[in-house]
């Protein structure tokens, strides 16, 4: 089940906790997307250099196909990788639509 979260709070908490909340948010939303039928690998891959790029791609792929349903994996991957602080609230807004 997808939990509704405030997109602004996601950004603010990520900044205040110096990225710790962002990691938590990625793990929790990965589990939610996997519950919807996605196949994002284990979140431990986030902390392994180079492999974390693969994990982010799989995360973006799951978001694009299961949540957004726009099959725009590359766009979401680039957003998450380079400007996650903007991608996270956009993704949360879309996840909130599924929570209602």
PDB file of N, CA and C in Angstrom:
ATOM      1  N   UNK A   1       0.844  -1.182   0.000  1.00  0.00           N
ATOM      2  CA  UNK A   1       0.000   0.000   0.000  1.00  0.00           C
ATOM      3  C   UNK A   1       0.891   1.247   0.000  1.00  0.00           C
ATOM      4  N   UNK A   2       0.512   2.197  -0.793  1.00  0.00           N
ATOM      5  CA  UNK A   2       1.279   3.438  -0.914  1.00  0.00           C
ATOM      6  C   UNK A   2       0.801   4.421   0.149  1.00  0.00           C
ATOM      7  N   UNK A   3       1.757   5.010   0.849  1.00  0.00           N
ATOM      8  CA  UNK A   3       1.441   5.971   1.906  1.00  0.00           C
ATOM      9  C   UNK A   3       1.529   7.387   1.350  1.00  0.00           C
ATOM     10  N   UNK A   4       0.562   8.204   1.729  1.00  0.00           N
ATOM     11  CA  UNK A   4       0.568   9.599   1.294  1.00  0.00           C
ATOM     12  C   UNK A   4       1.538  10.394   2.162  1.00  0.00           C
ATOM     13  N   UNK A   5       2.438  11.135   1.492  1.00  0.00           N
ATOM     14  CA  UNK A   5       3.423  11.965   2.181  1.00  0.00           C
ATOM     15  C   UNK A   5       3.402  13.374   1.590  1.00  0.00           C
ATOM     16  N   UNK A   6       3.788  14.329   2.388  1.00  0.00           N
ATOM     17  CA  UNK A   6       3.880  15.708   1.924  1.00  0.00           C
ATOM     18  C   UNK A   6       5.169  15.865   1.101  1.00  0.00           C
ATOM     19  N   UNK A   7       5.065  16.229  -0.190  1.00  0.00           N
ATOM     20  CA  UNK A   7       6.254  16.364  -1.035  1.00  0.00           C
ATOM     21  C   UNK A   7       7.249  17.413  -0.519  1.00  0.00           C
ATOM     22  N   UNK A   8       6.756  18.483   0.072  1.00  0.00           N
ATOM     23  CA  UNK A   8       7.640  19.513   0.615  1.00  0.00           C
ATOM     24  C   UNK A   8       8.395  18.968   1.829  1.00  0.00           C
ATOM     25  N   UNK A   9       7.704  18.194   2.643  1.00  0.00           N
ATOM     26  CA  UNK A   9       8.347  17.597   3.814  1.00  0.00           C
ATOM     27  C   UNK A   9       9.446  16.624   3.402  1.00  0.00           C
ATOM     28  N   UNK A  10       9.235  15.905   2.302  1.00  0.00           N
ATOM     29  CA  UNK A  10      10.257  14.985   1.801  1.00  0.00           C
ATOM     30  C   UNK A  10      11.548  15.746   1.508  1.00  0.00           C
ATOM     31  N   UNK A  11      11.422  16.902   0.866  1.00  0.00           N
ATOM     32  CA  UNK A  11      12.590  17.716   0.533  1.00  0.00           C
ATOM     33  C   UNK A  11      13.220  18.299   1.798  1.00  0.00           C
ATOM     34  N   UNK A  12      12.404  18.912   2.634  1.00  0.00           N
ATOM     35  CA  UNK A  12      12.932  19.555   3.840  1.00  0.00           C
ATOM     36  C   UNK A  12      13.612  18.553   4.774  1.00  0.00           C
ATOM     37  N   UNK A  13      12.993  17.412   4.988  1.00  0.00           N
ATOM     38  CA  UNK A  13      13.597  16.399   5.853  1.00  0.00           C
ATOM     39  C   UNK A  13      14.897  15.863   5.259  1.00  0.00           C
ATOM     40  N   UNK A  14      14.949  15.745   3.938  1.00  0.00           N
ATOM     41  CA  UNK A  14      16.183  15.288   3.286  1.00  0.00           C
ATOM     42  C   UNK A  14      17.312  16.291   3.497  1.00  0.00           C
ATOM     43  N   UNK A  15      16.987  17.576   3.428  1.00  0.00           N
ATOM     44  CA  UNK A  15      17.997  18.614   3.626  1.00  0.00           C
ATOM     45  C   UNK A  15      18.437  18.676   5.089  1.00  0.00           C
ATOM     46  N   UNK A  16      17.466  18.681   6.000  1.00  0.00           N
ATOM     47  CA  UNK A  16      17.770  18.803   7.428  1.00  0.00           C
ATOM     48  C   UNK A  16      18.596  17.614   7.928  1.00  0.00           C
ATOM     49  N   UNK A  17      18.303  16.426   7.425  1.00  0.00           N
ATOM     50  CA  UNK A  17      19.018  15.229   7.889  1.00  0.00           C
ATOM     51  C   UNK A  17      20.247  14.916   7.031  1.00  0.00           C
ATOM     52  N   UNK A  18      20.617  15.851   6.164  1.00  0.00           N
ATOM     53  CA  UNK A  18      21.795  15.699   5.300  1.00  0.00           C
ATOM     54  C   UNK A  18      21.734  14.432   4.436  1.00  0.00           C
ATOM     55  N   UNK A  19      20.552  14.124   3.962  1.00  0.00           N
ATOM     56  CA  UNK A  19      20.386  13.019   3.028  1.00  0.00           C
ATOM     57  C   UNK A  19      19.957  11.699   3.635  1.00  0.00           C
ATOM     58  N   UNK A  20      19.958  11.600   4.947  1.00  0.00           N
ATOM     59  CA  UNK A  20      19.564  10.347   5.599  1.00  0.00           C
ATOM     60  C   UNK A  20      18.093  10.036   5.295  1.00  0.00           C
ATOM     61  N   UNK A  21      17.231  11.049   5.406  1.00  0.00           N
ATOM     62  CA  UNK A  21      15.819  10.820   5.116  1.00  0.00           C
ATOM     63  C   UNK A  21      15.620  10.452   3.644  1.00  0.00           C
ATOM     64  N   UNK A  22      16.419  11.009   2.756  1.00  0.00           N
ATOM     65  CA  UNK A  22      16.302  10.673   1.331  1.00  0.00           C
ATOM     66  C   UNK A  22      16.555   9.185   1.122  1.00  0.00           C
ATOM     67  N   UNK A  23      17.563   8.648   1.774  1.00  0.00           N
ATOM     68  CA  UNK A  23      17.827   7.206   1.668  1.00  0.00           C
ATOM     69  C   UNK A  23      16.643   6.407   2.206  1.00  0.00           C
ATOM     70  N   UNK A  24      16.125   6.818   3.355  1.00  0.00           N
ATOM     71  CA  UNK A  24      14.946   6.162   3.924  1.00  0.00           C
ATOM     72  C   UNK A  24      13.767   6.236   2.957  1.00  0.00           C
ATOM     73  N   UNK A  25      13.558   7.412   2.375  1.00  0.00           N
ATOM     74  CA  UNK A  25      12.445   7.612   1.442  1.00  0.00           C
ATOM     75  C   UNK A  25      12.582   6.689   0.226  1.00  0.00           C
ATOM     76  N   UNK A  26      13.792   6.566  -0.315  1.00  0.00           N
ATOM     77  CA  UNK A  26      14.007   5.673  -1.451  1.00  0.00           C
ATOM     78  C   UNK A  26      13.687   4.230  -1.082  1.00  0.00           C
ATOM     79  N   UNK A  27      14.095   3.801   0.100  1.00  0.00           N
ATOM     80  CA  UNK A  27      13.848   2.424   0.535  1.00  0.00           C
ATOM     81  C   UNK A  27      12.348   2.173   0.702  1.00  0.00           C
ATOM     82  N   UNK A  28      11.670   3.083   1.372  1.00  0.00           N
ATOM     83  CA  UNK A  28      10.245   2.910   1.634  1.00  0.00           C
ATOM     84  C   UNK A  28       9.439   2.947   0.331  1.00  0.00           C
ATOM     85  N   UNK A  29       9.733   3.895  -0.544  1.00  0.00           N
ATOM     86  CA  UNK A  29       8.986   3.978  -1.798  1.00  0.00           C
ATOM     87  C   UNK A  29       9.327   2.810  -2.724  1.00  0.00           C
ATOM     88  N   UNK A  30      10.551   2.283  -2.622  1.00  0.00           N
ATOM     89  CA  UNK A  30      10.905   1.074  -3.382  1.00  0.00           C
ATOM     90  C   UNK A  30      10.009  -0.078  -2.952  1.00  0.00           C
ATOM     91  N   UNK A  31       9.836  -0.235  -1.648  1.00  0.00           N
ATOM     92  CA  UNK A  31       8.968  -1.296  -1.136  1.00  0.00           C
ATOM     93  C   UNK A  31       7.525  -1.097  -1.589  1.00  0.00           C
ATOM     94  N   UNK A  32       7.064   0.146  -1.597  1.00  0.00           N
ATOM     95  CA  UNK A  32       5.700   0.433  -2.048  1.00  0.00           C
ATOM     96  C   UNK A  32       5.527   0.102  -3.529  1.00  0.00           C
ATOM     97  N   UNK A  33       6.518   0.480  -4.343  1.00  0.00           N
ATOM     98  CA  UNK A  33       6.431   0.178  -5.778  1.00  0.00           C
ATOM     99  C   UNK A  33       6.525  -1.320  -6.024  1.00  0.00           C
ATOM    100  N   UNK A  34       7.356  -2.016  -5.260  1.00  0.00           N
ATOM    101  CA  UNK A  34       7.426  -3.470  -5.395  1.00  0.00           C
ATOM    102  C   UNK A  34       6.082  -4.109  -5.031  1.00  0.00           C
ATOM    103  N   UNK A  35       5.391  -3.513  -4.088  1.00  0.00           N
ATOM    104  CA  UNK A  35       4.054  -3.982  -3.741  1.00  0.00           C
ATOM    105  C   UNK A  35       3.047  -3.790  -4.864  1.00  0.00           C
ATOM    106  N   UNK A  36       3.327  -2.859  -5.750  1.00  0.00           N
ATOM    107  CA  UNK A  36       2.454  -2.605  -6.902  1.00  0.00           C
ATOM    108  C   UNK A  36       2.857  -3.446  -8.121  1.00  0.00           C
ATOM    109  N   UNK A  37       3.906  -4.243  -7.975  1.00  0.00           N
ATOM    110  CA  UNK A  37       4.308  -5.118  -9.069  1.00  0.00           C
ATOM    111  C   UNK A  37       5.661  -4.803  -9.686  1.00  0.00           C
ATOM    112  N   UNK A  38       6.360  -3.812  -9.176  1.00  0.00           N
ATOM    113  CA  UNK A  38       7.688  -3.485  -9.699  1.00  0.00           C
ATOM    114  C   UNK A  38       8.703  -4.511  -9.209  1.00  0.00           C
ATOM    115  N   UNK A  39       9.886  -4.469  -9.806  1.00  0.00           N
ATOM    116  CA  UNK A  39      10.944  -5.388  -9.412  1.00  0.00           C
ATOM    117  C   UNK A  39      12.244  -4.622  -9.163  1.00  0.00           C
ATOM    118  N   UNK A  40      12.219  -3.767  -8.147  1.00  0.00           N
ATOM    119  CA  UNK A  40      13.413  -3.006  -7.775  1.00  0.00           C
ATOM    120  C   UNK A  40      14.241  -3.888  -6.838  1.00  0.00           C
ATOM    121  N   UNK A  41      15.539  -4.049  -7.111  1.00  0.00           N
ATOM    122  CA  UNK A  41      16.361  -4.907  -6.254  1.00  0.00           C
ATOM    123  C   UNK A  41      16.518  -4.350  -4.835  1.00  0.00           C
ATOM    124  N   UNK A  42      17.149  -5.122  -3.995  1.00  0.00           N
ATOM    125  CA  UNK A  42      17.335  -4.749  -2.598  1.00  0.00           C
ATOM    126  C   UNK A  42      17.997  -3.378  -2.457  1.00  0.00           C
ATOM    127  N   UNK A  43      17.565  -2.649  -1.452  1.00  0.00           N
ATOM    128  CA  UNK A  43      18.022  -1.275  -1.258  1.00  0.00           C
ATOM    129  C   UNK A  43      19.446  -1.186  -0.728  1.00  0.00           C
ATOM    130  N   UNK A  44      20.025  -2.290  -0.307  1.00  0.00           N
ATOM    131  CA  UNK A  44      21.406  -2.255   0.171  1.00  0.00           C
ATOM    132  C   UNK A  44      22.352  -1.804  -0.943  1.00  0.00           C
ATOM    133  N   UNK A  45      21.922  -1.964  -2.181  1.00  0.00           N
ATOM    134  CA  UNK A  45      22.739  -1.563  -3.327  1.00  0.00           C
ATOM    135  C   UNK A  45      22.938  -0.048  -3.404  1.00  0.00           C
ATOM    136  N   UNK A  46      22.109   0.709  -2.696  1.00  0.00           N
ATOM    137  CA  UNK A  46      22.227   2.171  -2.702  1.00  0.00           C
ATOM    138  C   UNK A  46      23.596   2.615  -2.181  1.00  0.00           C
ATOM    139  N   UNK A  47      24.143   1.886  -1.224  1.00  0.00           N
ATOM    140  CA  UNK A  47      25.379   2.339  -0.582  1.00  0.00           C
ATOM    141  C   UNK A  47      26.645   1.806  -1.246  1.00  0.00           C
ATOM    142  N   UNK A  48      26.496   0.988  -2.272  1.00  0.00           N
ATOM    143  CA  UNK A  48      27.665   0.428  -2.957  1.00  0.00           C
ATOM    144  C   UNK A  48      27.983   1.294  -4.181  1.00  0.00           C
ATOM    145  N   UNK A  49      29.167   1.902  -4.204  1.00  0.00           N
ATOM    146  CA  UNK A  49      29.525   2.758  -5.346  1.00  0.00           C
ATOM    147  C   UNK A  49      29.435   2.002  -6.673  1.00  0.00           C
ATOM    148  N   UNK A  50      29.086   2.688  -7.707  1.00  0.00           N
ATOM    149  CA  UNK A  50      28.881   2.202  -9.071  1.00  0.00           C
ATOM    150  C   UNK A  50      27.606   1.363  -9.166  1.00  0.00           C
ATOM    151  N   UNK A  51      27.430   0.420  -8.264  1.00  0.00           N
ATOM    152  CA  UNK A  51      26.219  -0.402  -8.269  1.00  0.00           C
ATOM    153  C   UNK A  51      24.995   0.453  -7.962  1.00  0.00           C
ATOM    154  N   UNK A  52      25.189   1.525  -7.198  1.00  0.00           N
ATOM    155  CA  UNK A  52      24.059   2.397  -6.874  1.00  0.00           C
ATOM    156  C   UNK A  52      23.484   3.076  -8.122  1.00  0.00           C
ATOM    157  N   UNK A  53      24.289   3.237  -9.140  1.00  0.00           N
ATOM    158  CA  UNK A  53      23.779   3.805 -10.400  1.00  0.00           C
ATOM    159  C   UNK A  53      22.803   2.822 -11.041  1.00  0.00           C
ATOM    160  N   UNK A  54      23.172   1.546 -11.033  1.00  0.00           N
ATOM    161  CA  UNK A  54      22.271   0.495 -11.543  1.00  0.00           C
ATOM    162  C   UNK A  54      20.980   0.491 -10.735  1.00  0.00           C
ATOM    163  N   UNK A  55      21.099   0.589  -9.406  1.00  0.00           N
ATOM    164  CA  UNK A  55      19.914   0.576  -8.550  1.00  0.00           C
ATOM    165  C   UNK A  55      19.006   1.759  -8.866  1.00  0.00           C
ATOM    166  N   UNK A  56      19.594   2.939  -9.033  1.00  0.00           N
ATOM    167  CA  UNK A  56      18.788   4.122  -9.367  1.00  0.00           C
ATOM    168  C   UNK A  56      18.079   3.945 -10.704  1.00  0.00           C
ATOM    169  N   UNK A  57      18.760   3.311 -11.659  1.00  0.00           N
ATOM    170  CA  UNK A  57      18.122   3.062 -12.957  1.00  0.00           C
ATOM    171  C   UNK A  57      16.920   2.131 -12.776  1.00  0.00           C
ATOM    172  N   UNK A  58      17.084   1.064 -12.014  1.00  0.00           N
ATOM    173  CA  UNK A  58      15.979   0.124 -11.785  1.00  0.00           C
ATOM    174  C   UNK A  58      14.837   0.806 -11.022  1.00  0.00           C
ATOM    175  N   UNK A  59      15.189   1.699 -10.103  1.00  0.00           N
ATOM    176  CA  UNK A  59      14.179   2.450  -9.359  1.00  0.00           C
ATOM    177  C   UNK A  59      13.394   3.348 -10.317  1.00  0.00           C
ATOM    178  N   UNK A  60      14.122   4.070 -11.176  1.00  0.00           N
ATOM    179  CA  UNK A  60      13.471   4.967 -12.143  1.00  0.00           C
ATOM    180  C   UNK A  60      12.621   4.169 -13.124  1.00  0.00           C
ATOM    181  N   UNK A  61      13.113   3.016 -13.528  1.00  0.00           N
ATOM    182  CA  UNK A  61      12.355   2.152 -14.436  1.00  0.00           C
ATOM    183  C   UNK A  61      11.045   1.710 -13.790  1.00  0.00           C
ATOM    184  N   UNK A  62      11.110   1.318 -12.533  1.00  0.00           N
ATOM    185  CA  UNK A  62       9.900   0.914 -11.814  1.00  0.00           C
ATOM    186  C   UNK A  62       8.929   2.078 -11.687  1.00  0.00           C
ATOM    187  N   UNK A  63       9.450   3.245 -11.353  1.00  0.00           N
ATOM    188  CA  UNK A  63       8.583   4.416 -11.219  1.00  0.00           C
ATOM    189  C   UNK A  63       7.906   4.734 -12.551  1.00  0.00           C
ATOM    190  N   UNK A  64       8.677   4.727 -13.634  1.00  0.00           N
ATOM    191  CA  UNK A  64       8.143   5.088 -14.948  1.00  0.00           C
ATOM    192  C   UNK A  64       7.094   4.090 -15.437  1.00  0.00           C
ATOM    193  N   UNK A  65       7.273   2.821 -15.131  1.00  0.00           N
ATOM    194  CA  UNK A  65       6.354   1.815 -15.654  1.00  0.00           C
ATOM    195  C   UNK A  65       5.182   1.520 -14.728  1.00  0.00           C
ATOM    196  N   UNK A  66       5.425   1.476 -13.420  1.00  0.00           N
ATOM    197  CA  UNK A  66       4.367   1.077 -12.489  1.00  0.00           C
ATOM    198  C   UNK A  66       3.572   2.266 -11.957  1.00  0.00           C
ATOM    199  N   UNK A  67       4.251   3.364 -11.663  1.00  0.00           N
ATOM    200  CA  UNK A  67       3.567   4.513 -11.051  1.00  0.00           C
ATOM    201  C   UNK A  67       3.111   5.509 -12.113  1.00  0.00           C
ATOM    202  N   UNK A  68       4.044   6.049 -12.847  1.00  0.00           N
ATOM    203  CA  UNK A  68       3.738   7.095 -13.831  1.00  0.00           C
ATOM    204  C   UNK A  68       3.125   6.525 -15.102  1.00  0.00           C
ATOM    205  N   UNK A  69       3.501   5.301 -15.445  1.00  0.00           N
ATOM    206  CA  UNK A  69       3.010   4.612 -16.648  1.00  0.00           C
ATOM    207  C   UNK A  69       3.288   5.408 -17.924  1.00  0.00           C
ATOM    208  N   UNK A  70       4.469   6.068 -17.970  1.00  0.00           N
ATOM    209  CA  UNK A  70       4.836   6.825 -19.158  1.00  0.00           C
ATOM    210  C   UNK A  70       6.028   6.207 -19.888  1.00  0.00           C
ATOM    211  N   UNK A  71       6.593   5.135 -19.318  1.00  0.00           N
ATOM    212  CA  UNK A  71       7.750   4.451 -19.918  1.00  0.00           C
ATOM    213  C   UNK A  71       8.873   5.413 -20.285  1.00  0.00           C
ATOM    214  N   UNK A  72       9.077   6.410 -19.477  1.00  0.00           N
ATOM    215  CA  UNK A  72      10.111   7.413 -19.690  1.00  0.00           C
ATOM    216  C   UNK A  72      11.246   7.205 -18.681  1.00  0.00           C
ATOM    217  N   UNK A  73      11.772   6.001 -18.668  1.00  0.00           N
ATOM    218  CA  UNK A  73      12.772   5.608 -17.676  1.00  0.00           C
ATOM    219  C   UNK A  73      13.988   6.523 -17.676  1.00  0.00           C
ATOM    220  N   UNK A  74      14.503   6.852 -18.844  1.00  0.00           N
ATOM    221  CA  UNK A  74      15.724   7.662 -18.940  1.00  0.00           C
ATOM    222  C   UNK A  74      15.512   9.039 -18.306  1.00  0.00           C
ATOM    223  N   UNK A  75      14.383   9.656 -18.578  1.00  0.00           N
ATOM    224  CA  UNK A  75      14.088  10.965 -17.987  1.00  0.00           C
ATOM    225  C   UNK A  75      14.101  10.896 -16.470  1.00  0.00           C
ATOM    226  N   UNK A  76      13.389   9.931 -15.906  1.00  0.00           N
ATOM    227  CA  UNK A  76      13.317   9.814 -14.450  1.00  0.00           C
ATOM    228  C   UNK A  76      14.672   9.440 -13.857  1.00  0.00           C
ATOM    229  N   UNK A  77      15.430   8.607 -14.560  1.00  0.00           N
ATOM    230  CA  UNK A  77      16.758   8.238 -14.089  1.00  0.00           C
ATOM    231  C   UNK A  77      17.667   9.464 -14.023  1.00  0.00           C
ATOM    232  N   UNK A  78      17.666  10.279 -15.071  1.00  0.00           N
ATOM    233  CA  UNK A  78      18.497  11.482 -15.102  1.00  0.00           C
ATOM    234  C   UNK A  78      18.060  12.449 -13.998  1.00  0.00           C
ATOM    235  N   UNK A  79      16.769  12.606 -13.816  1.00  0.00           N
ATOM    236  CA  UNK A  79      16.277  13.495 -12.752  1.00  0.00           C
ATOM    237  C   UNK A  79      16.726  13.018 -11.379  1.00  0.00           C
ATOM    238  N   UNK A  80      16.551  11.723 -11.114  1.00  0.00           N
ATOM    239  CA  UNK A  80      16.912  11.191  -9.802  1.00  0.00           C
ATOM    240  C   UNK A  80      18.418  11.245  -9.580  1.00  0.00           C
ATOM    241  N   UNK A  81      19.185  10.963 -10.600  1.00  0.00           N
ATOM    242  CA  UNK A  81      20.631  10.904 -10.437  1.00  0.00           C
ATOM    243  C   UNK A  81      21.246  12.295 -10.267  1.00  0.00           C
ATOM    244  N   UNK A  82      20.808  13.252 -11.076  1.00  0.00           N
ATOM    245  CA  UNK A  82      21.447  14.562 -11.062  1.00  0.00           C
ATOM    246  C   UNK A  82      20.755  15.604 -10.190  1.00  0.00           C
ATOM    247  N   UNK A  83      19.437  15.571 -10.134  1.00  0.00           N
ATOM    248  CA  UNK A  83      18.723  16.567  -9.327  1.00  0.00           C
ATOM    249  C   UNK A  83      17.613  15.886  -8.510  1.00  0.00           C
ATOM    250  N   UNK A  84      18.046  15.012  -7.638  1.00  0.00           N
ATOM    251  CA  UNK A  84      17.108  14.238  -6.820  1.00  0.00           C
ATOM    252  C   UNK A  84      16.227  15.129  -5.966  1.00  0.00           C
ATOM    253  N   UNK A  85      16.733  16.269  -5.549  1.00  0.00           N
ATOM    254  CA  UNK A  85      15.968  17.163  -4.684  1.00  0.00           C
ATOM    255  C   UNK A  85      14.722  17.690  -5.402  1.00  0.00           C
ATOM    256  N   UNK A  86      14.735  17.686  -6.724  1.00  0.00           N
ATOM    257  CA  UNK A  86      13.558  18.070  -7.512  1.00  0.00           C
ATOM    258  C   UNK A  86      12.747  16.834  -7.887  1.00  0.00           C
ATOM    259  N   UNK A  87      13.423  15.743  -8.197  1.00  0.00           N
ATOM    260  CA  UNK A  87      12.739  14.519  -8.607  1.00  0.00           C
ATOM    261  C   UNK A  87      11.923  13.912  -7.473  1.00  0.00           C
ATOM    262  N   UNK A  88      12.440  13.964  -6.264  1.00  0.00           N
ATOM    263  CA  UNK A  88      11.752  13.331  -5.139  1.00  0.00           C
ATOM    264  C   UNK A  88      10.349  13.885  -4.899  1.00  0.00           C
ATOM    265  N   UNK A  89      10.164  15.217  -4.835  1.00  0.00           N
ATOM    266  CA  UNK A  89       8.783  15.690  -4.640  1.00  0.00           C
ATOM    267  C   UNK A  89       7.881  15.396  -5.835  1.00  0.00           C
ATOM    268  N   UNK A  90       8.439  15.449  -7.055  1.00  0.00           N
ATOM    269  CA  UNK A  90       7.636  15.107  -8.231  1.00  0.00           C
ATOM    270  C   UNK A  90       7.175  13.654  -8.168  1.00  0.00           C
ATOM    271  N   UNK A  91       8.082  12.787  -7.761  1.00  0.00           N
ATOM    272  CA  UNK A  91       7.733  11.368  -7.631  1.00  0.00           C
ATOM    273  C   UNK A  91       6.722  11.162  -6.505  1.00  0.00           C
ATOM    274  N   UNK A  92       6.904  11.886  -5.410  1.00  0.00           N
ATOM    275  CA  UNK A  92       5.978  11.736  -4.295  1.00  0.00           C
ATOM    276  C   UNK A  92       4.577  12.199  -4.670  1.00  0.00           C
ATOM    277  N   UNK A  93       4.471  13.239  -5.469  1.00  0.00           N
ATOM    278  CA  UNK A  93       3.153  13.702  -5.929  1.00  0.00           C
ATOM    279  C   UNK A  93       2.459  12.590  -6.704  1.00  0.00           C
ATOM    280  N   UNK A  94       3.200  11.920  -7.577  1.00  0.00           N
ATOM    281  CA  UNK A  94       2.620  10.815  -8.348  1.00  0.00           C
ATOM    282  C   UNK A  94       2.270   9.632  -7.452  1.00  0.00           C
ATOM    283  N   UNK A  95       3.127   9.332  -6.482  1.00  0.00           N
ATOM    284  CA  UNK A  95       2.815   8.253  -5.536  1.00  0.00           C
ATOM    285  C   UNK A  95       1.585   8.594  -4.706  1.00  0.00           C
ATOM    286  N   UNK A  96       1.427   9.860  -4.337  1.00  0.00           N
ATOM    287  CA  UNK A  96       0.253  10.276  -3.573  1.00  0.00           C
ATOM    288  C   UNK A  96      -1.041  10.041  -4.340  1.00  0.00           C
ATOM    289  N   UNK A  97      -0.991  10.152  -5.661  1.00  0.00           N
ATOM    290  CA  UNK A  97      -2.188   9.888  -6.466  1.00  0.00           C
ATOM    291  C   UNK A  97      -2.635   8.440  -6.328  1.00  0.00           C
ATOM    292  N   UNK A  98      -1.675   7.539  -6.141  1.00  0.00           N
ATOM    293  CA  UNK A  98      -2.021   6.123  -5.962  1.00  0.00           C
ATOM    294  C   UNK A  98      -2.479   5.827  -4.547  1.00  0.00           C
ATOM    295  N   UNK A  99      -2.134   6.693  -3.609  1.00  0.00           N
ATOM    296  CA  UNK A  99      -2.498   6.485  -2.217  1.00  0.00           C
ATOM    297  C   UNK A  99      -3.953   6.831  -1.943  1.00  0.00           C
ATOM    298  N   UNK A 100      -4.568   7.588  -2.808  1.00  0.00           N
ATOM    299  CA  UNK A 100      -5.944   8.042  -2.569  1.00  0.00           C
ATOM    300  C   UNK A 100      -6.961   7.004  -2.917  1.00  0.00           C
TER     301      UNK A 100
END
